[in-house]
Amino acid sequence: MHEASRRHCRDLQEAVGRLHRDHADRLARWGARLAAVLPGGGRLLAAGNGGSAAQAQHLTAELVGRYRQERPAYSAVSLHAETSSVTAIGNDYGFEQVYARQVAAHGRPGDVLLLLSTSGRSTNLIAAAATARSAGVRVWALTGPAPNPLADAAHEALCVDAGSTATVQEVHLVAVHLLCECFDAAVEAAAPEAAPTRFVSGLWRVS
């Protein structure tokens, strides 16, 4: 048991090191892009299956709520959490369309769709990527090792080089938090002269 734990932690540490070395610039670009899209009324859509669905919802919660400090709420939707839509679409069109149909409904040109998959082979996410691209929505993917079909279907992909699904998911969570860090920093940098705001009775007010 102790050897398995050491091996798991060692693999995770190495994978996080590769994330920082190979993808820090990409996450900074993604954060800057979101900082240009969301404050102007754009939207982040996110989707995944199983544990990756939980990671997608973690990200949208950080954006609608907050990550570290008080700031306005931004539009971010986890498509798997729309349970009535998911079950209706799955029943009428098949599971492969549960996200594509929602992207067609909600995505607007300039929005961003983030798709998470440890394998990069989920057909419902690949279908969502194709629909998003047709609608002018920017597509990013968080996947496991490259090459994989989802990475190919996205405009950009962050592919985690790790040998186990558990490690890939854990690194995806680190990537989600780094994206939030980069987003918050970019939002703050974009408006250095803006008057400070405070949250009062459900409204943001200029101090």
N, C-alpha and C. Protein backbone atom coordinates (compact mmCIF):
# COMPACT_ATOMS: atom_id res chain seq x y z
N MET A 1 0.82 -1.20 0.00
CA MET A 1 0.00 0.00 0.00
C MET A 1 0.85 1.25 0.00
N HIS A 2 1.90 1.26 0.82
CA HIS A 2 2.75 2.45 0.88
C HIS A 2 3.46 2.68 -0.45
N GLU A 3 3.89 1.61 -1.10
CA GLU A 3 4.57 1.75 -2.38
C GLU A 3 3.60 2.27 -3.44
N ALA A 4 2.36 1.80 -3.42
CA ALA A 4 1.36 2.29 -4.37
C ALA A 4 1.10 3.77 -4.15
N SER A 5 1.03 4.18 -2.90
CA SER A 5 0.81 5.60 -2.59
C SER A 5 1.98 6.45 -3.06
N ARG A 6 3.18 5.97 -2.82
CA ARG A 6 4.37 6.73 -3.26
C ARG A 6 4.40 6.85 -4.77
N ARG A 7 4.06 5.76 -5.45
CA ARG A 7 4.07 5.77 -6.92
C ARG A 7 3.02 6.74 -7.45
N HIS A 8 1.83 6.72 -6.85
CA HIS A 8 0.77 7.63 -7.28
C HIS A 8 1.20 9.09 -7.10
N CYS A 9 1.73 9.41 -5.93
CA CYS A 9 2.16 10.79 -5.66
C CYS A 9 3.32 11.20 -6.56
N ARG A 10 4.24 10.28 -6.81
CA ARG A 10 5.36 10.58 -7.70
C ARG A 10 4.86 10.87 -9.11
N ASP A 11 3.95 10.03 -9.61
CA ASP A 11 3.42 10.24 -10.96
C ASP A 11 2.67 11.56 -11.06
N LEU A 12 1.91 11.90 -10.01
CA LEU A 12 1.17 13.16 -10.01
C LEU A 12 2.12 14.34 -9.99
N GLN A 13 3.16 14.28 -9.16
CA GLN A 13 4.12 15.37 -9.10
C GLN A 13 4.80 15.58 -10.45
N GLU A 14 5.16 14.49 -11.10
CA GLU A 14 5.81 14.61 -12.40
C GLU A 14 4.85 15.19 -13.44
N ALA A 15 3.60 14.75 -13.40
CA ALA A 15 2.62 15.25 -14.37
C ALA A 15 2.31 16.73 -14.16
N VAL A 16 2.23 17.16 -12.90
CA VAL A 16 2.01 18.58 -12.62
C VAL A 16 3.21 19.40 -13.09
N GLY A 17 4.41 18.86 -12.91
CA GLY A 17 5.59 19.55 -13.42
C GLY A 17 5.55 19.72 -14.93
N ARG A 18 5.11 18.69 -15.64
CA ARG A 18 4.98 18.80 -17.10
C ARG A 18 3.90 19.80 -17.48
N LEU A 19 2.80 19.83 -16.71
CA LEU A 19 1.75 20.81 -16.96
C LEU A 19 2.31 22.22 -16.90
N HIS A 20 3.06 22.52 -15.85
CA HIS A 20 3.61 23.86 -15.70
C HIS A 20 4.64 24.15 -16.79
N ARG A 21 5.45 23.19 -17.11
CA ARG A 21 6.50 23.41 -18.11
C ARG A 21 5.93 23.58 -19.52
N ASP A 22 4.95 22.77 -19.86
CA ASP A 22 4.50 22.71 -21.25
C ASP A 22 3.25 23.54 -21.53
N HIS A 23 2.47 23.86 -20.48
CA HIS A 23 1.16 24.45 -20.75
C HIS A 23 0.86 25.73 -19.99
N ALA A 24 1.81 26.26 -19.23
CA ALA A 24 1.55 27.49 -18.48
C ALA A 24 1.17 28.63 -19.42
N ASP A 25 1.87 28.76 -20.54
CA ASP A 25 1.56 29.83 -21.49
C ASP A 25 0.17 29.66 -22.08
N ARG A 26 -0.20 28.42 -22.38
CA ARG A 26 -1.54 28.17 -22.94
C ARG A 26 -2.62 28.58 -21.94
N LEU A 27 -2.46 28.20 -20.68
CA LEU A 27 -3.45 28.57 -19.67
C LEU A 27 -3.54 30.08 -19.49
N ALA A 28 -2.40 30.76 -19.58
CA ALA A 28 -2.42 32.22 -19.51
C ALA A 28 -3.19 32.81 -20.68
N ARG A 29 -3.01 32.25 -21.88
CA ARG A 29 -3.76 32.72 -23.05
C ARG A 29 -5.24 32.46 -22.89
N TRP A 30 -5.58 31.28 -22.39
CA TRP A 30 -6.99 30.96 -22.18
C TRP A 30 -7.61 31.89 -21.15
N GLY A 31 -6.90 32.15 -20.08
CA GLY A 31 -7.42 33.07 -19.08
C GLY A 31 -7.65 34.46 -19.65
N ALA A 32 -6.70 34.93 -20.47
CA ALA A 32 -6.85 36.24 -21.10
C ALA A 32 -8.02 36.27 -22.07
N ARG A 33 -8.22 35.17 -22.80
CA ARG A 33 -9.35 35.10 -23.74
C ARG A 33 -10.67 35.16 -22.97
N LEU A 34 -10.78 34.40 -21.89
CA LEU A 34 -12.01 34.46 -21.10
C LEU A 34 -12.22 35.85 -20.50
N ALA A 35 -11.14 36.50 -20.13
CA ALA A 35 -11.25 37.84 -19.56
C ALA A 35 -11.71 38.85 -20.60
N ALA A 36 -11.51 38.55 -21.86
CA ALA A 36 -12.02 39.41 -22.93
C ALA A 36 -13.46 39.07 -23.29
N VAL A 37 -13.87 37.81 -23.09
CA VAL A 37 -15.19 37.34 -23.51
C VAL A 37 -16.24 37.54 -22.43
N LEU A 38 -15.98 37.07 -21.22
CA LEU A 38 -17.03 37.00 -20.20
C LEU A 38 -17.48 38.37 -19.70
N PRO A 39 -16.57 39.32 -19.40
CA PRO A 39 -17.06 40.61 -18.91
C PRO A 39 -17.89 41.37 -19.93
N GLY A 40 -17.74 41.05 -21.20
CA GLY A 40 -18.52 41.70 -22.24
C GLY A 40 -19.85 41.04 -22.53
N GLY A 41 -20.22 40.03 -21.74
CA GLY A 41 -21.50 39.37 -21.92
C GLY A 41 -21.42 38.03 -22.61
N GLY A 42 -20.21 37.57 -22.96
CA GLY A 42 -20.05 36.25 -23.54
C GLY A 42 -20.20 35.17 -22.50
N ARG A 43 -20.09 33.93 -22.95
CA ARG A 43 -20.40 32.80 -22.07
C ARG A 43 -19.37 31.70 -22.26
N LEU A 44 -19.08 31.01 -21.15
CA LEU A 44 -18.33 29.77 -21.19
C LEU A 44 -19.31 28.61 -21.03
N LEU A 45 -19.29 27.68 -21.98
CA LEU A 45 -20.00 26.42 -21.85
C LEU A 45 -18.97 25.35 -21.54
N ALA A 46 -19.34 24.39 -20.71
CA ALA A 46 -18.39 23.33 -20.33
C ALA A 46 -19.12 22.01 -20.25
N ALA A 47 -18.40 20.93 -20.57
CA ALA A 47 -19.03 19.61 -20.54
C ALA A 47 -17.98 18.53 -20.36
N GLY A 48 -18.42 17.42 -19.81
CA GLY A 48 -17.60 16.24 -19.65
C GLY A 48 -18.49 15.09 -19.25
N ASN A 49 -17.92 13.92 -19.08
CA ASN A 49 -18.66 12.73 -18.66
C ASN A 49 -18.03 12.18 -17.39
N GLY A 50 -18.87 11.74 -16.46
CA GLY A 50 -18.37 11.15 -15.23
C GLY A 50 -17.55 12.14 -14.41
N GLY A 51 -16.34 11.73 -14.03
CA GLY A 51 -15.48 12.61 -13.26
C GLY A 51 -15.17 13.90 -13.98
N SER A 52 -15.09 13.85 -15.30
CA SER A 52 -14.81 15.07 -16.07
C SER A 52 -16.00 16.03 -16.04
N ALA A 53 -17.21 15.49 -15.90
CA ALA A 53 -18.37 16.36 -15.71
C ALA A 53 -18.25 17.13 -14.40
N ALA A 54 -17.78 16.45 -13.36
CA ALA A 54 -17.58 17.12 -12.08
C ALA A 54 -16.52 18.21 -12.19
N GLN A 55 -15.47 17.96 -12.96
CA GLN A 55 -14.43 18.97 -13.16
C GLN A 55 -15.00 20.18 -13.91
N ALA A 56 -15.82 19.92 -14.92
CA ALA A 56 -16.44 21.01 -15.67
C ALA A 56 -17.30 21.87 -14.76
N GLN A 57 -18.08 21.22 -13.90
CA GLN A 57 -18.94 21.96 -12.98
C GLN A 57 -18.13 22.71 -11.94
N HIS A 58 -17.01 22.17 -11.54
CA HIS A 58 -16.12 22.87 -10.62
C HIS A 58 -15.69 24.20 -11.24
N LEU A 59 -15.29 24.17 -12.52
CA LEU A 59 -14.85 25.39 -13.19
C LEU A 59 -15.97 26.41 -13.29
N THR A 60 -17.15 25.99 -13.72
CA THR A 60 -18.22 26.97 -13.89
C THR A 60 -18.65 27.55 -12.55
N ALA A 61 -18.57 26.75 -11.48
CA ALA A 61 -18.90 27.27 -10.15
C ALA A 61 -17.93 28.36 -9.73
N GLU A 62 -16.66 28.20 -10.07
CA GLU A 62 -15.65 29.21 -9.71
C GLU A 62 -15.91 30.52 -10.45
N LEU A 63 -16.45 30.44 -11.67
CA LEU A 63 -16.68 31.65 -12.45
C LEU A 63 -17.99 32.33 -12.08
N VAL A 64 -19.03 31.55 -11.85
CA VAL A 64 -20.31 32.14 -11.45
C VAL A 64 -20.22 32.65 -10.01
N GLY A 65 -19.53 31.90 -9.17
CA GLY A 65 -19.29 32.36 -7.80
C GLY A 65 -18.03 33.20 -7.75
N ARG A 66 -17.00 32.65 -7.13
CA ARG A 66 -15.72 33.35 -7.10
C ARG A 66 -14.63 32.31 -6.90
N TYR A 67 -13.41 32.70 -7.24
CA TYR A 67 -12.27 31.81 -7.03
C TYR A 67 -11.56 32.19 -5.74
N ARG A 68 -10.89 33.33 -5.70
CA ARG A 68 -10.20 33.77 -4.48
C ARG A 68 -10.83 35.01 -3.85
N GLN A 69 -11.18 35.98 -4.67
CA GLN A 69 -11.61 37.25 -4.14
C GLN A 69 -12.92 37.69 -4.78
N GLU A 70 -13.58 38.67 -4.14
CA GLU A 70 -14.85 39.15 -4.65
C GLU A 70 -14.67 39.77 -6.03
N ARG A 71 -15.61 39.46 -6.89
CA ARG A 71 -15.65 40.03 -8.24
C ARG A 71 -17.03 39.76 -8.80
N PRO A 72 -17.38 40.39 -9.94
CA PRO A 72 -18.70 40.13 -10.52
C PRO A 72 -18.88 38.66 -10.90
N ALA A 73 -20.10 38.24 -11.01
CA ALA A 73 -20.42 36.90 -11.50
C ALA A 73 -20.34 36.89 -13.02
N TYR A 74 -19.86 35.78 -13.57
CA TYR A 74 -19.75 35.66 -15.03
C TYR A 74 -20.52 34.44 -15.50
N SER A 75 -20.99 34.51 -16.74
CA SER A 75 -21.84 33.46 -17.29
C SER A 75 -21.03 32.24 -17.66
N ALA A 76 -21.28 31.13 -16.98
CA ALA A 76 -20.59 29.86 -17.24
C ALA A 76 -21.57 28.75 -16.91
N VAL A 77 -21.77 27.83 -17.86
CA VAL A 77 -22.81 26.81 -17.74
C VAL A 77 -22.21 25.43 -17.97
N SER A 78 -22.45 24.51 -17.05
CA SER A 78 -22.07 23.11 -17.22
C SER A 78 -23.24 22.38 -17.87
N LEU A 79 -23.05 21.91 -19.08
CA LEU A 79 -24.16 21.38 -19.86
C LEU A 79 -24.71 20.08 -19.27
N HIS A 80 -23.86 19.29 -18.62
CA HIS A 80 -24.36 18.03 -18.06
C HIS A 80 -25.33 18.27 -16.91
N ALA A 81 -25.25 19.45 -16.28
CA ALA A 81 -26.11 19.74 -15.13
C ALA A 81 -27.53 20.11 -15.54
N GLU A 82 -27.75 20.31 -16.83
CA GLU A 82 -29.11 20.57 -17.34
C GLU A 82 -29.82 19.22 -17.51
N THR A 83 -30.23 18.65 -16.39
CA THR A 83 -30.66 17.25 -16.40
C THR A 83 -31.88 16.99 -17.26
N SER A 84 -32.84 17.90 -17.26
CA SER A 84 -34.02 17.68 -18.09
C SER A 84 -33.66 17.73 -19.57
N SER A 85 -32.79 18.68 -19.94
CA SER A 85 -32.35 18.74 -21.32
C SER A 85 -31.55 17.51 -21.70
N VAL A 86 -30.63 17.08 -20.80
CA VAL A 86 -29.80 15.91 -21.10
C VAL A 86 -30.67 14.68 -21.32
N THR A 87 -31.65 14.46 -20.45
CA THR A 87 -32.47 13.26 -20.58
C THR A 87 -33.42 13.35 -21.77
N ALA A 88 -33.95 14.53 -22.04
CA ALA A 88 -34.84 14.68 -23.19
C ALA A 88 -34.08 14.48 -24.50
N ILE A 89 -32.92 15.11 -24.60
CA ILE A 89 -32.12 14.97 -25.82
C ILE A 89 -31.63 13.54 -25.97
N GLY A 90 -31.17 12.94 -24.87
CA GLY A 90 -30.72 11.56 -24.94
C GLY A 90 -31.82 10.62 -25.38
N ASN A 91 -33.03 10.87 -24.89
CA ASN A 91 -34.16 10.02 -25.24
C ASN A 91 -34.57 10.20 -26.70
N ASP A 92 -34.57 11.45 -27.18
CA ASP A 92 -35.08 11.74 -28.52
C ASP A 92 -34.03 11.64 -29.62
N TYR A 93 -32.77 11.96 -29.28
CA TYR A 93 -31.73 12.05 -30.30
C TYR A 93 -30.56 11.10 -30.07
N GLY A 94 -30.44 10.53 -28.88
CA GLY A 94 -29.33 9.67 -28.56
C GLY A 94 -28.28 10.38 -27.73
N PHE A 95 -27.52 9.59 -26.95
CA PHE A 95 -26.55 10.16 -26.01
C PHE A 95 -25.45 10.96 -26.71
N GLU A 96 -25.15 10.61 -27.94
CA GLU A 96 -24.11 11.35 -28.65
C GLU A 96 -24.47 12.81 -28.88
N GLN A 97 -25.74 13.14 -28.81
CA GLN A 97 -26.18 14.51 -29.10
C GLN A 97 -26.50 15.34 -27.86
N VAL A 98 -26.28 14.79 -26.66
CA VAL A 98 -26.73 15.50 -25.46
C VAL A 98 -26.03 16.85 -25.27
N TYR A 99 -24.81 16.98 -25.75
CA TYR A 99 -24.10 18.25 -25.63
C TYR A 99 -24.18 19.07 -26.91
N ALA A 100 -24.10 18.42 -28.05
CA ALA A 100 -24.15 19.15 -29.32
C ALA A 100 -25.45 19.95 -29.43
N ARG A 101 -26.56 19.33 -29.04
CA ARG A 101 -27.85 20.01 -29.13
C ARG A 101 -27.88 21.24 -28.23
N GLN A 102 -27.30 21.14 -27.05
CA GLN A 102 -27.27 22.29 -26.13
C GLN A 102 -26.33 23.38 -26.64
N VAL A 103 -25.22 22.98 -27.23
CA VAL A 103 -24.32 23.98 -27.81
C VAL A 103 -25.02 24.74 -28.93
N ALA A 104 -25.80 24.02 -29.76
CA ALA A 104 -26.55 24.67 -30.82
C ALA A 104 -27.55 25.67 -30.25
N ALA A 105 -28.12 25.36 -29.08
CA ALA A 105 -29.11 26.24 -28.47
C ALA A 105 -28.48 27.45 -27.80
N HIS A 106 -27.37 27.24 -27.10
CA HIS A 106 -26.83 28.28 -26.22
C HIS A 106 -25.59 28.99 -26.76
N GLY A 107 -24.85 28.36 -27.64
CA GLY A 107 -23.59 28.94 -28.08
C GLY A 107 -23.80 30.08 -29.06
N ARG A 108 -23.02 31.14 -28.88
CA ARG A 108 -23.05 32.29 -29.77
C ARG A 108 -21.63 32.57 -30.26
N PRO A 109 -21.50 33.17 -31.42
CA PRO A 109 -20.15 33.48 -31.91
C PRO A 109 -19.34 34.26 -30.88
N GLY A 110 -18.13 33.80 -30.66
CA GLY A 110 -17.26 34.43 -29.66
C GLY A 110 -17.28 33.76 -28.32
N ASP A 111 -18.31 32.96 -28.03
CA ASP A 111 -18.33 32.20 -26.78
C ASP A 111 -17.23 31.14 -26.79
N VAL A 112 -17.02 30.51 -25.64
CA VAL A 112 -16.00 29.47 -25.50
C VAL A 112 -16.66 28.20 -24.99
N LEU A 113 -16.30 27.06 -25.57
CA LEU A 113 -16.73 25.75 -25.11
C LEU A 113 -15.50 24.99 -24.63
N LEU A 114 -15.50 24.58 -23.36
CA LEU A 114 -14.41 23.78 -22.81
C LEU A 114 -14.90 22.36 -22.58
N LEU A 115 -14.22 21.40 -23.18
CA LEU A 115 -14.60 19.99 -23.11
C LEU A 115 -13.52 19.21 -22.39
N LEU A 116 -13.91 18.40 -21.41
CA LEU A 116 -12.96 17.65 -20.60
C LEU A 116 -13.17 16.16 -20.80
N SER A 117 -12.08 15.44 -21.08
CA SER A 117 -12.16 14.00 -21.28
C SER A 117 -10.80 13.38 -21.00
N THR A 118 -10.76 12.39 -20.13
CA THR A 118 -9.47 11.75 -19.84
C THR A 118 -8.97 10.95 -21.02
N SER A 119 -9.89 10.38 -21.80
CA SER A 119 -9.48 9.58 -22.96
C SER A 119 -9.36 10.41 -24.23
N GLY A 120 -10.16 11.47 -24.33
CA GLY A 120 -10.21 12.24 -25.57
C GLY A 120 -10.99 11.54 -26.66
N ARG A 121 -11.80 10.56 -26.30
CA ARG A 121 -12.51 9.77 -27.30
C ARG A 121 -14.03 9.76 -27.09
N SER A 122 -14.55 10.59 -26.25
CA SER A 122 -15.99 10.61 -25.98
C SER A 122 -16.74 11.18 -27.19
N THR A 123 -17.60 10.38 -27.77
CA THR A 123 -18.25 10.80 -29.02
C THR A 123 -19.19 11.97 -28.81
N ASN A 124 -19.82 12.09 -27.63
CA ASN A 124 -20.72 13.22 -27.42
C ASN A 124 -19.94 14.54 -27.31
N LEU A 125 -18.72 14.50 -26.82
CA LEU A 125 -17.90 15.70 -26.76
C LEU A 125 -17.35 16.07 -28.13
N ILE A 126 -16.98 15.08 -28.91
CA ILE A 126 -16.50 15.34 -30.27
C ILE A 126 -17.62 15.96 -31.11
N ALA A 127 -18.84 15.45 -30.95
CA ALA A 127 -19.98 16.03 -31.66
C ALA A 127 -20.23 17.47 -31.22
N ALA A 128 -20.08 17.73 -29.92
CA ALA A 128 -20.26 19.10 -29.41
C ALA A 128 -19.22 20.03 -29.99
N ALA A 129 -17.98 19.55 -30.13
CA ALA A 129 -16.93 20.37 -30.71
C ALA A 129 -17.25 20.76 -32.14
N ALA A 130 -17.73 19.80 -32.91
CA ALA A 130 -18.07 20.09 -34.31
C ALA A 130 -19.20 21.11 -34.41
N THR A 131 -20.22 20.96 -33.57
CA THR A 131 -21.34 21.91 -33.57
C THR A 131 -20.86 23.30 -33.17
N ALA A 132 -20.00 23.36 -32.15
CA ALA A 132 -19.50 24.65 -31.68
C ALA A 132 -18.71 25.37 -32.77
N ARG A 133 -17.84 24.65 -33.43
CA ARG A 133 -17.04 25.27 -34.48
C ARG A 133 -17.93 25.83 -35.59
N SER A 134 -18.98 25.11 -35.92
CA SER A 134 -19.91 25.58 -36.95
C SER A 134 -20.64 26.85 -36.51
N ALA A 135 -20.81 27.01 -35.19
CA ALA A 135 -21.54 28.16 -34.65
C ALA A 135 -20.63 29.34 -34.34
N GLY A 136 -19.33 29.21 -34.60
CA GLY A 136 -18.41 30.29 -34.29
C GLY A 136 -17.98 30.35 -32.84
N VAL A 137 -18.17 29.24 -32.13
CA VAL A 137 -17.76 29.14 -30.73
C VAL A 137 -16.35 28.56 -30.67
N ARG A 138 -15.50 29.17 -29.87
CA ARG A 138 -14.12 28.69 -29.71
C ARG A 138 -14.13 27.43 -28.86
N VAL A 139 -13.40 26.41 -29.29
CA VAL A 139 -13.41 25.12 -28.61
C VAL A 139 -12.04 24.82 -28.01
N TRP A 140 -12.03 24.57 -26.70
CA TRP A 140 -10.82 24.13 -26.00
C TRP A 140 -11.10 22.75 -25.42
N ALA A 141 -10.06 21.94 -25.35
CA ALA A 141 -10.19 20.61 -24.78
C ALA A 141 -9.12 20.37 -23.73
N LEU A 142 -9.54 19.75 -22.64
CA LEU A 142 -8.62 19.20 -21.63
C LEU A 142 -8.73 17.69 -21.75
N THR A 143 -7.64 17.04 -22.13
CA THR A 143 -7.69 15.59 -22.37
C THR A 143 -6.52 14.90 -21.69
N GLY A 144 -6.50 13.58 -21.87
CA GLY A 144 -5.34 12.79 -21.50
C GLY A 144 -4.31 12.84 -22.61
N PRO A 145 -3.43 11.86 -22.67
CA PRO A 145 -2.31 11.92 -23.62
C PRO A 145 -2.75 12.07 -25.07
N ALA A 146 -1.98 12.83 -25.81
CA ALA A 146 -2.18 12.98 -27.26
C ALA A 146 -1.43 11.84 -27.97
N PRO A 147 -1.86 11.55 -29.22
CA PRO A 147 -2.99 12.13 -29.95
C PRO A 147 -4.31 11.50 -29.53
N ASN A 148 -5.39 12.26 -29.74
CA ASN A 148 -6.72 11.72 -29.50
C ASN A 148 -7.72 12.53 -30.33
N PRO A 149 -8.89 11.97 -30.63
CA PRO A 149 -9.84 12.64 -31.53
C PRO A 149 -10.38 13.96 -31.01
N LEU A 150 -10.59 14.08 -29.69
CA LEU A 150 -11.14 15.34 -29.17
C LEU A 150 -10.13 16.47 -29.32
N ALA A 151 -8.86 16.19 -29.06
CA ALA A 151 -7.84 17.21 -29.26
C ALA A 151 -7.81 17.67 -30.71
N ASP A 152 -7.99 16.74 -31.63
CA ASP A 152 -8.01 17.09 -33.05
C ASP A 152 -9.24 17.91 -33.41
N ALA A 153 -10.36 17.68 -32.72
CA ALA A 153 -11.60 18.38 -33.03
C ALA A 153 -11.64 19.80 -32.45
N ALA A 154 -10.81 20.09 -31.46
CA ALA A 154 -10.81 21.40 -30.79
C ALA A 154 -9.91 22.38 -31.53
N HIS A 155 -10.15 23.67 -31.27
CA HIS A 155 -9.21 24.67 -31.76
C HIS A 155 -7.86 24.56 -31.05
N GLU A 156 -7.92 24.32 -29.74
CA GLU A 156 -6.72 24.14 -28.92
C GLU A 156 -6.98 23.05 -27.90
N ALA A 157 -5.94 22.33 -27.55
CA ALA A 157 -6.08 21.27 -26.56
C ALA A 157 -4.90 21.28 -25.60
N LEU A 158 -5.21 21.03 -24.34
CA LEU A 158 -4.20 20.81 -23.33
C LEU A 158 -4.25 19.33 -23.00
N CYS A 159 -3.27 18.60 -23.47
CA CYS A 159 -3.24 17.14 -23.32
C CYS A 159 -2.29 16.77 -22.19
N VAL A 160 -2.82 16.14 -21.17
CA VAL A 160 -2.03 15.79 -19.99
C VAL A 160 -1.30 14.47 -20.25
N ASP A 161 0.00 14.52 -20.13
CA ASP A 161 0.84 13.34 -20.35
C ASP A 161 0.96 12.58 -19.03
N ALA A 162 0.06 11.62 -18.83
CA ALA A 162 0.07 10.82 -17.61
C ALA A 162 -0.45 9.43 -17.94
N GLY A 163 -0.02 8.45 -17.16
CA GLY A 163 -0.32 7.07 -17.48
C GLY A 163 -1.61 6.53 -16.93
N SER A 164 -2.25 7.23 -16.01
CA SER A 164 -3.48 6.71 -15.41
C SER A 164 -4.58 7.76 -15.48
N THR A 165 -5.81 7.27 -15.54
CA THR A 165 -6.97 8.16 -15.57
C THR A 165 -7.02 9.03 -14.32
N ALA A 166 -6.71 8.45 -13.17
CA ALA A 166 -6.75 9.21 -11.92
C ALA A 166 -5.80 10.39 -11.97
N THR A 167 -4.59 10.17 -12.46
CA THR A 167 -3.61 11.26 -12.52
C THR A 167 -4.05 12.32 -13.52
N VAL A 168 -4.60 11.91 -14.65
CA VAL A 168 -5.10 12.88 -15.62
C VAL A 168 -6.17 13.75 -14.99
N GLN A 169 -7.12 13.15 -14.27
CA GLN A 169 -8.18 13.93 -13.64
C GLN A 169 -7.63 14.88 -12.59
N GLU A 170 -6.67 14.43 -11.83
CA GLU A 170 -6.09 15.30 -10.80
C GLU A 170 -5.36 16.48 -11.43
N VAL A 171 -4.67 16.25 -12.52
CA VAL A 171 -3.98 17.35 -13.20
C VAL A 171 -4.99 18.29 -13.86
N HIS A 172 -6.09 17.73 -14.36
CA HIS A 172 -7.14 18.60 -14.90
C HIS A 172 -7.65 19.57 -13.85
N LEU A 173 -7.78 19.12 -12.61
CA LEU A 173 -8.22 20.02 -11.54
C LEU A 173 -7.20 21.13 -11.31
N VAL A 174 -5.92 20.78 -11.32
CA VAL A 174 -4.89 21.81 -11.20
C VAL A 174 -5.00 22.80 -12.37
N ALA A 175 -5.22 22.28 -13.57
CA ALA A 175 -5.36 23.16 -14.73
C ALA A 175 -6.57 24.08 -14.60
N VAL A 176 -7.67 23.55 -14.07
CA VAL A 176 -8.86 24.38 -13.84
C VAL A 176 -8.54 25.52 -12.88
N HIS A 177 -7.84 25.22 -11.81
CA HIS A 177 -7.50 26.28 -10.85
C HIS A 177 -6.51 27.28 -11.45
N LEU A 178 -5.56 26.81 -12.22
CA LEU A 178 -4.63 27.74 -12.87
C LEU A 178 -5.35 28.63 -13.87
N LEU A 179 -6.33 28.06 -14.58
CA LEU A 179 -7.13 28.87 -15.51
C LEU A 179 -7.88 29.96 -14.75
N CYS A 180 -8.43 29.62 -13.60
CA CYS A 180 -9.11 30.63 -12.77
C CYS A 180 -8.14 31.70 -12.31
N GLU A 181 -6.94 31.29 -11.90
CA GLU A 181 -5.92 32.27 -11.50
C GLU A 181 -5.62 33.22 -12.64
N CYS A 182 -5.41 32.67 -13.83
CA CYS A 182 -5.07 33.50 -14.99
C CYS A 182 -6.22 34.40 -15.39
N PHE A 183 -7.44 33.88 -15.30
CA PHE A 183 -8.61 34.69 -15.63
C PHE A 183 -8.74 35.87 -14.68
N ASP A 184 -8.67 35.62 -13.38
CA ASP A 184 -8.80 36.70 -12.41
C ASP A 184 -7.71 37.75 -12.60
N ALA A 185 -6.48 37.29 -12.84
CA ALA A 185 -5.38 38.23 -13.04
C ALA A 185 -5.60 39.07 -14.30
N ALA A 186 -6.10 38.46 -15.36
CA ALA A 186 -6.32 39.19 -16.61
C ALA A 186 -7.46 40.19 -16.47
N VAL A 187 -8.52 39.80 -15.75
CA VAL A 187 -9.63 40.73 -15.52
C VAL A 187 -9.15 41.95 -14.73
N GLU A 188 -8.37 41.69 -13.70
CA GLU A 188 -7.86 42.79 -12.88
C GLU A 188 -6.92 43.69 -13.68
N ALA A 189 -6.07 43.09 -14.50
CA ALA A 189 -5.12 43.88 -15.28
C ALA A 189 -5.81 44.70 -16.36
N ALA A 190 -6.96 44.23 -16.84
CA ALA A 190 -7.65 44.92 -17.93
C ALA A 190 -8.34 46.19 -17.47
N ALA A 191 -8.57 46.32 -16.17
CA ALA A 191 -9.27 47.49 -15.66
C ALA A 191 -8.58 48.05 -14.43
N PRO A 192 -7.30 48.44 -14.55
CA PRO A 192 -6.58 48.90 -13.36
C PRO A 192 -7.10 50.21 -12.79
N GLU A 193 -7.79 51.01 -13.63
CA GLU A 193 -8.27 52.31 -13.16
C GLU A 193 -9.73 52.27 -12.76
N ALA A 194 -10.35 51.10 -12.91
CA ALA A 194 -11.78 51.02 -12.59
C ALA A 194 -12.01 51.25 -11.10
N ALA A 195 -13.14 51.88 -10.80
CA ALA A 195 -13.48 52.10 -9.40
C ALA A 195 -13.74 50.76 -8.73
N PRO A 196 -13.30 50.60 -7.48
CA PRO A 196 -13.54 49.33 -6.79
C PRO A 196 -15.03 49.07 -6.61
N THR A 197 -15.39 47.82 -6.55
CA THR A 197 -16.78 47.46 -6.37
C THR A 197 -16.97 46.69 -5.09
N ARG A 198 -18.19 46.66 -4.61
CA ARG A 198 -18.51 45.88 -3.44
C ARG A 198 -19.85 45.20 -3.67
N PHE A 199 -20.04 44.06 -3.04
CA PHE A 199 -21.25 43.27 -3.24
C PHE A 199 -22.21 43.59 -2.12
N VAL A 200 -23.37 44.18 -2.47
CA VAL A 200 -24.34 44.60 -1.46
C VAL A 200 -25.73 44.13 -1.87
N SER A 201 -26.34 43.30 -1.04
CA SER A 201 -27.73 42.87 -1.25
C SER A 201 -27.97 42.36 -2.65
N GLY A 202 -27.06 41.50 -3.14
CA GLY A 202 -27.29 40.88 -4.43
C GLY A 202 -26.88 41.73 -5.62
N LEU A 203 -26.33 42.92 -5.40
CA LEU A 203 -25.95 43.80 -6.49
C LEU A 203 -24.50 44.23 -6.33
N TRP A 204 -23.83 44.44 -7.46
CA TRP A 204 -22.49 45.03 -7.42
C TRP A 204 -22.61 46.54 -7.50
N ARG A 205 -21.99 47.23 -6.57
CA ARG A 205 -22.07 48.69 -6.54
C ARG A 205 -20.65 49.28 -6.59
N VAL A 206 -20.53 50.41 -7.29
CA VAL A 206 -19.26 51.13 -7.30
C VAL A 206 -19.08 51.82 -5.97
N SER A 207 -17.88 51.62 -5.38
CA SER A 207 -17.60 52.22 -4.08
C SER A 207 -17.28 53.70 -4.24
